[in-house]
Amino acid sequence: MESRLTELEIKVALQDEQLDALNLTVVRQQQQLDLLQEQLRHLYRLQQAGNQQDEQGSLRDDIPPHY
């Protein structure tokens, strides 16, 4: 009976270690996802700014023809 209890305690301890490792992995992945989402938002803003500049024309379009 005591050996069975010891075996169960060992299994629980190993499962706790695995659970902690998995939680750490999930936290790291969430941090990576957050970073990637922020980068995508930044790229989207850059794209929108580029599209607005294209719609407004370039600075060369404002130069009179005699230049």
C-alpha atoms as a PDB file:
ATOM      1  CA  MET A   1       0.000   0.000   0.000  1.00  0.00           C
ATOM      2  CA  GLU A   2       2.790   2.420   0.896  1.00  0.00           C
ATOM      3  CA  SER A   3       4.637   1.783  -2.376  1.00  0.00           C
ATOM      4  CA  ARG A   4       1.461   2.559  -4.309  1.00  0.00           C
ATOM      5  CA  LEU A   5       1.052   5.821  -2.416  1.00  0.00           C
ATOM      6  CA  THR A   6       4.677   6.733  -3.129  1.00  0.00           C
ATOM      7  CA  GLU A   7       4.173   5.930  -6.814  1.00  0.00           C
ATOM      8  CA  LEU A   8       1.097   8.169  -6.948  1.00  0.00           C
ATOM      9  CA  GLU A   9       2.980  10.999  -5.231  1.00  0.00           C
ATOM     10  CA  ILE A  10       5.767  10.707  -7.786  1.00  0.00           C
ATOM     11  CA  LYS A  11       3.258  10.817 -10.647  1.00  0.00           C
ATOM     12  CA  VAL A  12       1.577  13.900  -9.195  1.00  0.00           C
ATOM     13  CA  ALA A  13       4.940  15.628  -8.764  1.00  0.00           C
ATOM     14  CA  LEU A  14       5.886  14.877 -12.367  1.00  0.00           C
ATOM     15  CA  GLN A  15       2.515  16.124 -13.590  1.00  0.00           C
ATOM     16  CA  ASP A  16       2.985  19.347 -11.621  1.00  0.00           C
ATOM     17  CA  GLU A  17       6.370  19.880 -13.280  1.00  0.00           C
ATOM     18  CA  GLN A  18       4.886  19.224 -16.707  1.00  0.00           C
ATOM     19  CA  LEU A  19       1.985  21.566 -16.011  1.00  0.00           C
ATOM     20  CA  ASP A  20       4.374  24.332 -14.961  1.00  0.00           C
ATOM     21  CA  ALA A  21       6.424  23.812 -18.128  1.00  0.00           C
ATOM     22  CA  LEU A  22       3.285  23.922 -20.289  1.00  0.00           C
ATOM     23  CA  ASN A  23       2.071  27.080 -18.554  1.00  0.00           C
ATOM     24  CA  LEU A  24       5.423  28.732 -19.214  1.00  0.00           C
ATOM     25  CA  THR A  25       5.182  27.726 -22.862  1.00  0.00           C
ATOM     26  CA  VAL A  26       1.694  29.188 -23.157  1.00  0.00           C
ATOM     27  CA  VAL A  27       2.827  32.455 -21.553  1.00  0.00           C
ATOM     28  CA  ARG A  28       5.747  32.744 -23.987  1.00  0.00           C
ATOM     29  CA  GLN A  29       3.526  31.999 -26.956  1.00  0.00           C
ATOM     30  CA  GLN A  30       1.028  34.633 -25.842  1.00  0.00           C
ATOM     31  CA  GLN A  31       3.855  37.169 -25.561  1.00  0.00           C
ATOM     32  CA  GLN A  32       4.952  36.279 -29.092  1.00  0.00           C
ATOM     33  CA  LEU A  33       1.389  36.616 -30.369  1.00  0.00           C
ATOM     34  CA  ASP A  34       1.039  39.999 -28.688  1.00  0.00           C
ATOM     35  CA  LEU A  35       4.285  41.169 -30.295  1.00  0.00           C
ATOM     36  CA  LEU A  36       3.226  39.908 -33.724  1.00  0.00           C
ATOM     37  CA  GLN A  37      -0.155  41.609 -33.429  1.00  0.00           C
ATOM     38  CA  GLU A  38       1.529  44.889 -32.520  1.00  0.00           C
ATOM     39  CA  GLN A  39       3.864  44.540 -35.503  1.00  0.00           C
ATOM     40  CA  LEU A  40       0.901  43.874 -37.796  1.00  0.00           C
ATOM     41  CA  ARG A  41      -0.898  46.949 -36.477  1.00  0.00           C
ATOM     42  CA  HIS A  42       2.228  49.005 -37.130  1.00  0.00           C
ATOM     43  CA  LEU A  43       2.545  47.640 -40.672  1.00  0.00           C
ATOM     44  CA  TYR A  44      -1.140  48.325 -41.301  1.00  0.00           C
ATOM     45  CA  ARG A  45      -0.703  51.935 -40.188  1.00  0.00           C
ATOM     46  CA  LEU A  46       2.335  52.299 -42.452  1.00  0.00           C
ATOM     47  CA  GLN A  47       0.367  50.859 -45.358  1.00  0.00           C
ATOM     48  CA  GLN A  48      -2.537  53.219 -44.689  1.00  0.00           C
ATOM     49  CA  ALA A  49      -0.166  56.192 -44.520  1.00  0.00           C
ATOM     50  CA  GLY A  50       1.421  55.099 -47.808  1.00  0.00           C
ATOM     51  CA  ASN A  51      -1.972  54.770 -49.455  1.00  0.00           C
ATOM     52  CA  GLN A  52      -2.957  58.239 -48.272  1.00  0.00           C
ATOM     53  CA  GLN A  53       0.276  59.680 -49.612  1.00  0.00           C
ATOM     54  CA  ASP A  54      -0.305  57.970 -52.964  1.00  0.00           C
ATOM     55  CA  GLU A  55      -3.810  59.440 -53.114  1.00  0.00           C
ATOM     56  CA  GLN A  56      -2.484  62.921 -52.331  1.00  0.00           C
ATOM     57  CA  GLY A  57       0.261  62.634 -54.911  1.00  0.00           C
ATOM     58  CA  SER A  58       3.963  62.990 -54.485  1.00  0.00           C
ATOM     59  CA  LEU A  59       5.880  66.199 -53.831  1.00  0.00           C
ATOM     60  CA  ARG A  60       7.174  66.159 -57.419  1.00  0.00           C
ATOM     61  CA  ASP A  61       3.576  66.593 -58.619  1.00  0.00           C
ATOM     62  CA  ASP A  62       3.498  69.971 -56.820  1.00  0.00           C
ATOM     63  CA  ILE A  63       6.600  71.340 -58.595  1.00  0.00           C
ATOM     64  CA  PRO A  64       5.749  73.726 -61.421  1.00  0.00           C
ATOM     65  CA  PRO A  65       6.714  72.501 -64.897  1.00  0.00           C
ATOM     66  CA  HIS A  66       9.504  75.076 -65.369  1.00  0.00           C
ATOM     67  CA  TYR A  67      11.650  73.512 -62.616  1.00  0.00           C
END
